[in-house]
Amino acid sequence: MNALHISGNDLTLEAVLEVAAQRRPVLLSADARAAVDRARAVVDEIVANNKLAYAITTGVGKLSDVRIVGDQIRELQINLVRSHAVGVGDPLSAAETRAMMLLRANSLAKGYSGVRAVVIDTLCEMLNRGVIPYVPSQGSVGASGDLAPLAHLALTLIGEGECIDAAGLRISSGDALQRAQIKPIVLQAKETISLINGTQAMLALGTLALLAAETLVDSADVLGGLCCDALKGTDAAFDERIHKARPHSGQIKTAANLRKMLEGSQIRESHRECGRVQDAYSLRCIPQVHGAVRDTLAHCREVFEIEANSAVDNPLVFITDAENSAGDVVSGGNFHGEPLAFALDFLGIVLSALAGISERRIERLVNPALSEGLPPFLAQGAGLNSGFMMPQVTAAALVSENKVLAHPASVDSITTSGNKEDYVSMGMTAANKLKRIVENTRNVLAIEAMAVAQAIDFLAPLKTSKRGQAAHTAIRSVCPTMEKDRVMYKDLARISEMIATGKIAEIIH
């Protein structure tokens, strides 16, 4: 795989996934290196002339009125890293940590942070040689960015703290760097604050969750269309004219997907003259619900793409005279996670809805009062066999858990740092909750997939559409028909994994 050359300006979310999950190599681009060097020269000039500049020759946060001079500047860097590495809880996964490292390096590459290029180069080398810092997932209030998680990353840069090795074991960062033949960094003026001020932890989790969510909504369109067929629903509600009359782009897209899913179905033709003119909302309103999810994902993608290519530490360095290493060092608040916190919460809300409508379709498949002649609970010999009675209960449990988790974190704030940081985003809390919502939603869709495949089996010899058959075949490749009651949790796990890989989603493309 070709190396990714980062500049701080054109990183895509797909590239983040390639680096995080597929270990694509990363290098600092030549143009970005020049911009980084120019900003660093401004910082060096400030230090050399003992000028007043926040976080360069002063303390940070509430202690910004304390002047730092001479050898204290280097000591300040070490003290800041150590004192801020106070995370608790389960560590981020390797993919999440790698995404955070790439996003941090890309932000620094913009040339507004005033770090030396060697800091970015070392982050890239850590990615390229498999050095994964141990980063606890809790401890960030989302302003001044994700201080605690990023401080754990910075610890590894200086050879302190811990890493996760290839076997998943915790080892000292010093050992990890030595094995990778990477020299620890001796941090200089401003470099610690540039490393730990930022939104990269919440953005890393959000990016990976968003990409997973895009796969889930495509998968939900496939499964929703298959359910509509299995429940002998009408495709009239997916008529293109209806959706052009209310032209939300996501709604139009999902309606088109559903038409594709039902095209050429023998099952659909078998009941075309049945006289029923409309279905329950969980079938009829799939375009409106799934489509609204799509539109929200598109909005969140825009937010995340902007953030991935932004300078989000404080203060920022703006060049005024490159020849004389002159520039303005301006203190602001780009580290504040509110734009991401809102988007992360919104993602959690819409994925909860995607799981919710899926569970309602599962209920219609298993409930003999609603399932259009299918056996009770999709069981052969219902009574002796319970069939899909309990999978629907599990889906209900997951959907209700999502409702709790979807309560927005971003409506909260808590004062920190001696009332200097008096309104925070709680974006990392939103990101951590979102991870669980993504997992729950994928598992609900797995239950729907297993149930609808069983329903299609009962409708033989009538066949669903070619795309529906492809979905059925994919499900059956990891989960055989339920001839009688059996332990199902491994089936559901295999289907969930298959959904995660995009094998169901790709059917609609």
Protein backbone atom coordinates (compact mmCIF):
# COMPACT_ATOMS: atom_id res chain seq x y z
CA MET A 1 0.00 0.00 0.00
CA ASN A 2 1.39 3.41 -0.98
CA ALA A 3 2.42 5.69 1.86
CA LEU A 4 0.04 8.43 2.93
CA HIS A 5 1.71 11.86 2.77
CA ILE A 6 0.07 14.12 5.33
CA SER A 7 -0.12 17.90 5.00
CA GLY A 8 -2.88 18.87 7.41
CA ASN A 9 -5.15 19.84 4.53
CA ASP A 10 -6.47 16.83 2.64
CA LEU A 11 -6.79 13.85 4.97
CA THR A 12 -9.88 11.75 4.22
CA LEU A 13 -11.80 9.62 6.70
CA GLU A 14 -11.15 6.59 4.51
CA ALA A 15 -7.41 7.23 4.79
CA VAL A 16 -7.77 7.36 8.57
CA LEU A 17 -9.30 3.88 8.46
CA GLU A 18 -6.53 2.61 6.17
CA VAL A 19 -3.87 3.75 8.63
CA ALA A 20 -5.83 2.69 11.72
CA ALA A 21 -6.91 -0.78 10.60
CA GLN A 22 -4.72 -1.68 7.62
CA ARG A 23 -1.41 -0.13 8.76
CA ARG A 24 -0.93 2.07 5.72
CA PRO A 25 2.46 3.86 6.08
CA VAL A 26 2.48 7.59 6.86
CA LEU A 27 4.98 10.32 5.99
CA LEU A 28 5.07 14.10 6.39
CA SER A 29 4.81 15.82 3.00
CA ALA A 30 7.63 18.12 1.86
CA ASP A 31 5.43 21.21 1.64
CA ALA A 32 4.04 20.59 5.12
CA ARG A 33 7.55 20.16 6.50
CA ALA A 34 8.47 23.62 5.23
CA ALA A 35 5.37 25.15 6.84
CA VAL A 36 6.14 23.38 10.12
CA ASP A 37 9.71 24.68 10.07
CA ARG A 38 8.55 28.27 9.51
CA ALA A 39 6.20 28.17 12.50
CA ARG A 40 8.88 26.56 14.65
CA ALA A 41 11.29 29.37 13.84
CA VAL A 42 8.79 31.85 15.33
CA VAL A 43 8.67 29.86 18.59
CA ASP A 44 12.46 29.64 18.74
CA GLU A 45 12.70 33.42 18.26
CA ILE A 46 10.26 34.01 21.14
CA VAL A 47 12.28 31.78 23.46
CA ALA A 48 15.62 33.25 22.42
CA ASN A 49 14.41 36.77 23.16
CA ASN A 50 12.39 35.82 26.26
CA LYS A 51 9.17 37.30 24.88
CA LEU A 52 5.84 36.79 26.63
CA ALA A 53 3.69 34.13 24.92
CA TYR A 54 1.09 31.81 26.44
CA ALA A 55 2.26 28.22 26.94
CA ILE A 56 5.68 29.08 25.50
CA THR A 57 7.06 31.30 28.25
CA THR A 58 4.11 30.96 30.67
CA GLY A 59 2.32 28.20 32.50
CA VAL A 60 -0.99 26.86 31.19
CA GLY A 61 -4.64 27.10 32.13
CA LYS A 62 -5.20 28.85 35.45
CA LEU A 63 -1.40 29.14 35.78
CA SER A 64 -1.03 31.17 32.58
CA ASP A 65 0.09 34.21 34.60
CA VAL A 66 3.21 32.37 35.83
CA ARG A 67 6.31 33.27 33.80
CA ILE A 68 8.57 30.39 32.69
CA VAL A 69 12.14 31.16 31.63
CA GLY A 70 15.42 29.47 30.66
CA ASP A 71 15.82 25.82 31.59
CA GLN A 72 12.37 25.84 33.15
CA ILE A 73 10.85 25.74 29.64
CA ARG A 74 12.12 22.22 28.98
CA GLU A 75 11.17 21.11 32.49
CA LEU A 76 7.67 22.50 31.89
CA GLN A 77 7.25 20.19 28.88
CA ILE A 78 7.99 17.08 30.93
CA ASN A 79 5.86 18.24 33.85
CA LEU A 80 2.87 18.92 31.59
CA VAL A 81 3.01 15.47 30.00
CA ARG A 82 3.33 13.68 33.32
CA SER A 83 0.72 15.71 35.19
CA HIS A 84 -1.89 15.38 32.42
CA ALA A 85 -1.56 11.61 31.89
CA VAL A 86 -4.29 10.77 34.37
CA GLY A 87 -6.66 8.68 32.26
CA VAL A 88 -8.63 5.79 33.71
CA GLY A 89 -10.81 2.98 32.41
CA ASP A 90 -10.44 0.55 29.55
CA PRO A 91 -7.81 1.48 26.97
CA LEU A 92 -8.63 2.56 23.45
CA SER A 93 -8.29 -0.21 20.88
CA ALA A 94 -5.23 -0.38 18.66
CA ALA A 95 -7.22 0.98 15.71
CA GLU A 96 -8.63 3.85 17.76
CA THR A 97 -5.18 4.75 19.10
CA ARG A 98 -3.62 4.62 15.64
CA ALA A 99 -6.39 6.86 14.30
CA MET A 100 -5.75 9.32 17.13
CA MET A 101 -2.01 9.34 16.39
CA LEU A 102 -2.57 10.01 12.69
CA LEU A 103 -5.09 12.77 13.36
CA ARG A 104 -2.72 14.42 15.85
CA ALA A 105 0.17 14.28 13.37
CA ASN A 106 -2.00 15.66 10.56
CA SER A 107 -3.18 18.60 12.65
CA LEU A 108 0.40 19.47 13.62
CA ALA A 109 1.39 19.21 9.94
CA LYS A 110 -0.72 22.25 9.08
CA GLY A 111 2.09 24.43 10.37
CA TYR A 112 0.20 26.48 12.96
CA SER A 113 1.34 24.61 16.07
CA GLY A 114 5.01 25.58 16.32
CA VAL A 115 6.41 22.08 16.89
CA ARG A 116 9.57 20.74 15.31
CA ALA A 117 9.14 18.43 12.34
CA VAL A 118 10.84 15.64 14.30
CA VAL A 119 7.77 15.43 16.57
CA ILE A 120 5.55 14.65 13.57
CA ASP A 121 8.16 12.33 12.06
CA THR A 122 8.30 10.35 15.30
CA LEU A 123 4.53 9.98 15.41
CA CYS A 124 4.67 8.68 11.83
CA GLU A 125 7.45 6.24 12.69
CA MET A 126 5.47 4.95 15.66
CA LEU A 127 2.58 4.26 13.28
CA ASN A 128 4.81 2.68 10.67
CA ARG A 129 6.62 0.41 13.14
CA GLY A 130 3.59 -0.64 15.20
CA VAL A 131 4.19 1.25 18.45
CA ILE A 132 0.77 1.56 20.12
CA PRO A 133 0.57 3.77 23.26
CA TYR A 134 -1.62 2.61 26.13
CA VAL A 135 -4.38 5.24 26.20
CA PRO A 136 -7.16 4.96 28.82
CA SER A 137 -10.53 5.92 27.39
CA GLN A 138 -11.82 8.05 30.27
CA GLY A 139 -10.67 11.36 31.73
CA SER A 140 -11.43 13.92 29.03
CA VAL A 141 -14.11 16.61 29.34
CA GLY A 142 -13.60 17.62 25.72
CA ALA A 143 -11.91 21.01 26.40
CA SER A 144 -9.04 21.90 26.36
CA GLY A 145 -9.55 19.05 24.02
CA ASP A 146 -8.78 15.49 25.01
CA LEU A 147 -5.99 16.37 27.43
CA ALA A 148 -5.66 13.10 29.32
CA PRO A 149 -5.81 10.70 26.35
CA LEU A 150 -3.40 12.81 24.32
CA ALA A 151 -1.03 13.10 27.29
CA HIS A 152 -0.79 9.29 27.37
CA LEU A 153 0.18 9.45 23.70
CA ALA A 154 2.79 12.12 24.48
CA LEU A 155 4.17 9.97 27.31
CA THR A 156 5.17 7.32 24.80
CA LEU A 157 6.85 9.94 22.62
CA ILE A 158 9.20 10.78 25.46
CA GLY A 159 9.78 7.12 26.36
CA GLU A 160 7.56 7.04 29.45
CA GLY A 161 4.23 5.40 30.18
CA GLU A 162 3.15 2.15 28.55
CA CYS A 163 2.39 0.64 25.17
CA ILE A 164 0.39 -2.34 23.96
CA ASP A 165 2.52 -4.93 22.15
CA ALA A 166 1.51 -7.24 19.30
CA ALA A 167 0.27 -9.83 21.79
CA GLY A 168 -1.97 -7.28 23.50
CA LEU A 169 0.23 -7.05 26.58
CA ARG A 170 1.24 -3.84 28.35
CA ILE A 171 4.95 -3.06 28.13
CA SER A 172 6.97 0.02 28.99
CA SER A 173 7.10 2.69 26.29
CA GLY A 174 10.87 2.71 26.56
CA ASP A 175 10.99 -0.98 25.63
CA ALA A 176 8.49 -0.51 22.82
CA LEU A 177 10.47 2.32 21.28
CA GLN A 178 13.73 0.43 21.65
CA ARG A 179 12.30 -2.63 19.90
CA ALA A 180 11.07 -0.39 17.08
CA GLN A 181 14.43 1.42 16.95
CA ILE A 182 12.78 4.79 17.56
CA LYS A 183 14.55 7.41 19.65
CA PRO A 184 12.40 9.13 22.33
CA ILE A 185 11.76 12.83 21.84
CA VAL A 186 13.22 15.50 24.12
CA LEU A 187 10.38 18.00 24.01
CA GLN A 188 11.16 21.66 23.45
CA ALA A 189 9.18 24.88 24.08
CA LYS A 190 5.45 24.67 23.27
CA GLU A 191 5.60 21.09 22.03
CA THR A 192 3.76 19.47 24.92
CA ILE A 193 0.83 21.86 24.77
CA SER A 194 0.65 21.27 21.00
CA LEU A 195 0.53 17.51 21.57
CA ILE A 196 -2.07 17.41 24.33
CA ASN A 197 -4.38 20.29 23.28
CA GLY A 198 -6.81 18.95 20.70
CA THR A 199 -9.84 16.84 19.84
CA GLN A 200 -8.11 13.84 18.30
CA ALA A 201 -9.30 11.18 20.77
CA MET A 202 -12.99 11.93 20.32
CA LEU A 203 -12.44 12.46 16.59
CA ALA A 204 -10.67 9.11 16.23
CA LEU A 205 -13.56 7.26 17.88
CA GLY A 206 -16.09 9.31 15.96
CA THR A 207 -14.44 8.69 12.61
CA LEU A 208 -14.34 4.93 13.05
CA ALA A 209 -17.92 4.95 14.36
CA LEU A 210 -19.14 7.02 11.42
CA LEU A 211 -17.55 4.71 8.87
CA ALA A 212 -19.12 1.74 10.64
CA ALA A 213 -22.47 3.54 10.71
CA GLU A 214 -22.36 4.14 6.96
CA THR A 215 -22.02 0.38 6.50
CA LEU A 216 -24.86 -0.22 8.94
CA VAL A 217 -27.35 2.01 7.15
CA ASP A 218 -26.62 0.35 3.81
CA SER A 219 -27.02 -3.04 5.50
CA ALA A 220 -30.29 -1.88 7.05
CA ASP A 221 -31.63 -0.95 3.60
CA VAL A 222 -30.83 -4.45 2.34
CA LEU A 223 -32.42 -6.14 5.37
CA GLY A 224 -35.39 -3.78 5.42
CA GLY A 225 -36.13 -4.54 1.77
CA LEU A 226 -35.83 -8.27 2.43
CA CYS A 227 -38.17 -7.95 5.42
CA CYS A 228 -40.69 -6.07 3.33
CA ASP A 229 -40.69 -8.98 0.89
CA ALA A 230 -40.84 -11.66 3.60
CA LEU A 231 -43.81 -9.89 5.22
CA LYS A 232 -45.56 -9.56 1.84
CA GLY A 233 -45.42 -5.80 1.95
CA THR A 234 -46.14 -3.43 -0.92
CA ASP A 235 -43.48 -1.50 -2.77
CA ALA A 236 -45.93 1.29 -3.56
CA ALA A 237 -44.55 3.38 -0.69
CA PHE A 238 -41.15 3.39 -2.39
CA ASP A 239 -42.46 4.97 -5.60
CA GLU A 240 -39.91 7.54 -6.75
CA ARG A 241 -42.62 10.20 -7.17
CA ILE A 242 -43.41 10.13 -3.45
CA HIS A 243 -39.82 10.85 -2.48
CA LYS A 244 -39.21 13.51 -5.09
CA ALA A 245 -42.19 15.30 -3.54
CA ARG A 246 -40.15 15.49 -0.32
CA PRO A 247 -36.64 15.54 -1.70
CA HIS A 248 -34.40 14.77 1.24
CA SER A 249 -31.38 13.13 -0.38
CA GLY A 250 -31.12 10.29 2.12
CA GLN A 251 -34.80 9.44 1.76
CA ILE A 252 -34.49 9.37 -2.04
CA LYS A 253 -31.44 7.11 -1.77
CA THR A 254 -33.05 4.59 0.58
CA ALA A 255 -36.26 4.46 -1.48
CA ALA A 256 -34.16 3.66 -4.56
CA ASN A 257 -32.34 0.95 -2.63
CA LEU A 258 -35.63 -0.62 -1.57
CA ARG A 259 -36.91 -0.62 -5.14
CA LYS A 260 -33.72 -2.45 -6.14
CA MET A 261 -34.22 -4.96 -3.32
CA LEU A 262 -37.74 -5.85 -4.47
CA GLU A 263 -37.15 -5.75 -8.22
CA GLY A 264 -38.07 -9.09 -9.82
CA SER A 265 -39.27 -10.77 -6.62
CA GLN A 266 -41.63 -13.71 -7.12
CA ILE A 267 -42.85 -13.20 -3.58
CA ARG A 268 -43.89 -9.63 -4.40
CA GLU A 269 -45.75 -10.74 -7.53
CA SER A 270 -47.57 -13.50 -5.64
CA HIS A 271 -49.65 -11.01 -3.61
CA ARG A 272 -49.82 -7.98 -5.88
CA GLU A 273 -53.63 -8.19 -6.11
CA CYS A 274 -54.21 -8.93 -2.42
CA GLY A 275 -56.03 -5.64 -1.84
CA ARG A 276 -53.82 -4.32 0.97
CA VAL A 277 -52.88 -0.75 0.15
CA GLN A 278 -50.34 0.11 2.82
CA ASP A 279 -48.10 -1.42 5.46
CA ALA A 280 -47.07 -0.57 9.02
CA TYR A 281 -44.61 2.26 9.48
CA SER A 282 -41.65 -0.07 10.09
CA LEU A 283 -41.99 -1.11 6.44
CA ARG A 284 -43.75 1.80 4.75
CA CYS A 285 -41.59 4.50 6.33
CA ILE A 286 -38.19 2.86 5.90
CA PRO A 287 -37.16 5.56 3.39
CA GLN A 288 -38.11 8.34 5.78
CA VAL A 289 -36.37 6.80 8.80
CA HIS A 290 -33.30 5.26 7.17
CA GLY A 291 -33.06 8.30 4.93
CA ALA A 292 -32.96 10.68 7.88
CA VAL A 293 -30.17 8.54 9.32
CA ARG A 294 -28.29 8.90 6.02
CA ASP A 295 -28.66 12.68 6.02
CA THR A 296 -27.34 12.88 9.57
CA LEU A 297 -24.35 10.70 8.71
CA ALA A 298 -23.59 13.00 5.79
CA HIS A 299 -23.67 16.02 8.12
CA CYS A 300 -21.41 14.32 10.65
CA ARG A 301 -18.99 13.28 7.91
CA GLU A 302 -18.66 16.94 6.90
CA VAL A 303 -17.96 17.96 10.50
CA PHE A 304 -15.37 15.22 10.99
CA GLU A 305 -13.60 15.93 7.68
CA ILE A 306 -13.26 19.60 8.59
CA GLU A 307 -11.95 18.72 12.05
CA ALA A 308 -9.47 16.17 10.69
CA ASN A 309 -7.80 18.93 8.69
CA SER A 310 -7.90 21.66 11.32
CA ALA A 311 -5.40 23.22 13.73
CA VAL A 312 -6.97 22.56 17.11
CA ASP A 313 -4.30 23.32 19.72
CA ASN A 314 -3.62 26.58 21.54
CA PRO A 315 -2.00 28.99 21.03
CA LEU A 316 -1.56 29.04 17.24
CA VAL A 317 1.35 30.52 15.32
CA PHE A 318 0.62 32.76 12.32
CA ILE A 319 3.57 33.79 10.13
CA THR A 320 3.92 37.52 9.43
CA ASP A 321 7.50 37.62 8.15
CA ALA A 322 9.06 34.27 7.35
CA GLU A 323 12.48 35.71 6.49
CA ASN A 324 12.84 37.20 9.96
CA SER A 325 11.08 34.37 11.81
CA ALA A 326 8.35 36.78 12.83
CA GLY A 327 4.78 35.89 13.55
CA ASP A 328 1.82 36.29 15.86
CA VAL A 329 1.16 33.76 18.59
CA VAL A 330 -2.57 33.99 19.24
CA SER A 331 -4.44 32.29 22.05
CA GLY A 332 -7.94 31.01 21.31
CA GLY A 333 -10.15 27.98 21.80
CA ASN A 334 -9.95 25.69 18.75
CA PHE A 335 -9.40 22.77 21.13
CA HIS A 336 -13.03 23.00 22.26
CA GLY A 337 -14.86 19.84 21.25
CA GLU A 338 -18.37 21.23 20.92
CA PRO A 339 -18.69 20.78 17.12
CA LEU A 340 -17.70 17.16 17.50
CA ALA A 341 -19.71 16.59 20.67
CA PHE A 342 -22.92 17.63 18.94
CA ALA A 343 -22.17 15.41 15.94
CA LEU A 344 -21.23 12.43 18.14
CA ASP A 345 -24.45 12.76 20.10
CA PHE A 346 -26.44 13.08 16.88
CA LEU A 347 -24.85 9.88 15.58
CA GLY A 348 -25.87 8.05 18.72
CA ILE A 349 -29.44 9.28 18.39
CA VAL A 350 -29.90 8.27 14.76
CA LEU A 351 -28.27 4.86 15.17
CA SER A 352 -30.64 4.24 18.06
CA ALA A 353 -33.50 4.93 15.66
CA LEU A 354 -31.98 2.61 13.05
CA ALA A 355 -31.86 -0.18 15.62
CA GLY A 356 -35.34 0.70 16.86
CA ILE A 357 -37.09 0.34 13.51
CA SER A 358 -35.13 -2.87 12.85
CA GLU A 359 -36.43 -4.34 16.11
CA ARG A 360 -39.99 -3.48 15.07
CA ARG A 361 -39.49 -5.41 11.83
CA ILE A 362 -38.14 -8.36 13.84
CA GLU A 363 -41.31 -8.24 15.96
CA ARG A 364 -43.47 -8.39 12.84
CA LEU A 365 -41.51 -11.40 11.57
CA VAL A 366 -41.95 -13.41 14.78
CA ASN A 367 -45.44 -12.34 15.88
CA PRO A 368 -48.08 -14.60 14.26
CA ALA A 369 -50.65 -11.79 14.53
CA LEU A 370 -48.48 -9.63 12.26
CA SER A 371 -46.36 -11.95 10.14
CA GLU A 372 -48.71 -12.70 7.21
CA GLY A 373 -48.88 -16.47 7.65
CA LEU A 374 -45.38 -17.18 8.82
CA PRO A 375 -45.08 -19.73 11.68
CA PRO A 376 -45.16 -18.31 15.22
CA PHE A 377 -41.65 -17.11 16.13
CA LEU A 378 -40.44 -18.53 12.81
CA ALA A 379 -40.28 -21.94 14.50
CA GLN A 380 -40.81 -25.32 12.88
CA GLY A 381 -43.18 -27.03 15.27
CA ALA A 382 -43.87 -23.92 17.36
CA GLY A 383 -44.52 -24.86 20.97
CA LEU A 384 -42.03 -27.69 21.05
CA ASN A 385 -39.60 -25.19 19.51
CA SER A 386 -39.38 -21.54 20.58
CA GLY A 387 -37.64 -20.39 17.41
CA PHE A 388 -36.90 -16.67 17.38
CA MET A 389 -38.83 -15.78 20.53
CA MET A 390 -35.70 -14.89 22.50
CA PRO A 391 -33.67 -13.19 19.76
CA GLN A 392 -36.45 -10.61 19.59
CA VAL A 393 -36.10 -10.15 23.36
CA THR A 394 -32.37 -9.58 22.95
CA ALA A 395 -33.05 -7.03 20.22
CA ALA A 396 -35.52 -5.28 22.52
CA ALA A 397 -32.91 -5.18 25.29
CA LEU A 398 -30.31 -3.64 22.97
CA VAL A 399 -32.74 -1.07 21.63
CA SER A 400 -33.72 -0.01 25.12
CA GLU A 401 -30.08 0.22 26.18
CA ASN A 402 -29.47 2.47 23.18
CA LYS A 403 -32.23 4.78 24.38
CA VAL A 404 -30.33 5.29 27.62
CA LEU A 405 -26.98 5.72 25.87
CA ALA A 406 -28.44 8.18 23.34
CA HIS A 407 -29.03 10.79 26.03
CA PRO A 408 -26.75 13.57 24.81
CA ALA A 409 -23.50 14.18 26.64
CA SER A 410 -23.06 17.57 24.99
CA VAL A 411 -25.89 19.19 27.00
CA ASP A 412 -23.72 18.78 30.08
CA SER A 413 -20.74 20.79 31.28
CA ILE A 414 -18.63 20.85 34.40
CA THR A 415 -16.18 23.53 35.49
CA THR A 416 -12.48 22.61 35.58
CA SER A 417 -9.05 24.21 36.02
CA GLY A 418 -9.88 26.72 38.74
CA ASN A 419 -12.88 28.06 36.77
CA LYS A 420 -10.69 29.04 33.83
CA GLU A 421 -12.16 26.20 31.78
CA ASP A 422 -15.74 26.86 32.78
CA TYR A 423 -17.73 25.42 29.86
CA VAL A 424 -16.69 22.11 28.32
CA SER A 425 -18.08 19.84 25.60
CA MET A 426 -18.06 16.33 27.10
CA GLY A 427 -17.31 15.14 23.58
CA MET A 428 -15.22 12.14 24.66
CA THR A 429 -18.13 10.91 26.75
CA ALA A 430 -20.31 11.14 23.64
CA ALA A 431 -17.69 9.20 21.66
CA ASN A 432 -17.38 6.44 24.25
CA LYS A 433 -21.16 6.02 24.38
CA LEU A 434 -21.35 5.96 20.60
CA LYS A 435 -19.04 2.94 20.42
CA ARG A 436 -21.54 0.89 22.42
CA ILE A 437 -24.48 2.15 20.35
CA VAL A 438 -22.71 1.09 17.13
CA GLU A 439 -22.13 -2.40 18.56
CA ASN A 440 -25.71 -2.70 19.78
CA THR A 441 -27.14 -1.56 16.46
CA ARG A 442 -25.00 -4.00 14.52
CA ASN A 443 -26.21 -6.83 16.74
CA VAL A 444 -29.86 -5.84 16.28
CA LEU A 445 -29.34 -5.91 12.52
CA ALA A 446 -27.70 -9.33 12.88
CA ILE A 447 -30.83 -10.59 14.62
CA GLU A 448 -32.99 -9.11 11.85
CA ALA A 449 -30.77 -10.78 9.25
CA MET A 450 -31.03 -14.21 10.86
CA ALA A 451 -34.78 -13.88 11.31
CA VAL A 452 -35.55 -12.64 7.80
CA ALA A 453 -33.42 -15.40 6.25
CA GLN A 454 -35.56 -17.90 8.18
CA ALA A 455 -38.73 -16.21 6.96
CA ILE A 456 -37.57 -16.35 3.34
CA ASP A 457 -36.92 -20.09 3.79
CA PHE A 458 -40.55 -20.60 4.78
CA LEU A 459 -41.79 -18.88 1.60
CA ALA A 460 -40.08 -21.35 -0.76
CA PRO A 461 -40.52 -22.27 -3.56
CA LEU A 462 -41.28 -18.60 -4.18
CA LYS A 463 -38.08 -16.64 -4.55
CA THR A 464 -37.20 -13.15 -3.51
CA SER A 465 -35.35 -10.77 -5.86
CA LYS A 466 -31.82 -11.43 -7.13
CA ARG A 467 -30.43 -8.96 -4.60
CA GLY A 468 -32.58 -10.50 -1.89
CA GLN A 469 -31.27 -13.93 -2.83
CA ALA A 470 -27.72 -12.60 -2.63
CA ALA A 471 -28.40 -11.31 0.89
CA HIS A 472 -30.02 -14.61 1.86
CA THR A 473 -27.04 -16.55 0.50
CA ALA A 474 -24.60 -14.33 2.41
CA ILE A 475 -26.48 -14.91 5.67
CA ARG A 476 -26.70 -18.65 5.02
CA SER A 477 -22.95 -18.78 4.39
CA VAL A 478 -22.40 -18.23 8.12
CA CYS A 479 -25.72 -19.39 9.58
CA PRO A 480 -27.72 -22.48 8.50
CA THR A 481 -31.51 -22.68 8.57
CA MET A 482 -33.07 -23.34 11.99
CA GLU A 483 -34.65 -26.78 11.59
CA LYS A 484 -35.22 -26.96 15.33
CA ASP A 485 -34.12 -25.02 18.39
CA ARG A 486 -30.37 -24.65 18.80
CA VAL A 487 -27.90 -22.34 20.51
CA MET A 488 -27.87 -19.18 18.38
CA TYR A 489 -25.40 -16.77 19.93
CA LYS A 490 -22.51 -17.91 17.74
CA ASP A 491 -24.70 -17.55 14.64
CA LEU A 492 -25.51 -13.99 15.63
CA ALA A 493 -21.85 -13.20 16.28
CA ARG A 494 -20.87 -14.49 12.83
CA ILE A 495 -23.61 -12.49 11.13
CA SER A 496 -22.67 -9.36 13.08
CA GLU A 497 -19.05 -9.74 11.96
CA MET A 498 -20.17 -10.24 8.37
CA ILE A 499 -22.25 -7.04 8.55
CA ALA A 500 -19.21 -5.18 9.92
CA THR A 501 -17.13 -6.26 6.92
CA GLY A 502 -19.68 -4.74 4.53
CA LYS A 503 -20.71 -8.00 2.85
CA ILE A 504 -24.42 -7.22 3.30
CA ALA A 505 -24.05 -3.52 2.51
CA GLU A 506 -22.29 -4.17 -0.80
CA ILE A 507 -25.35 -5.99 -2.17
CA ILE A 508 -27.11 -2.66 -2.69
CA HIS A 509 -24.24 -1.03 -4.61
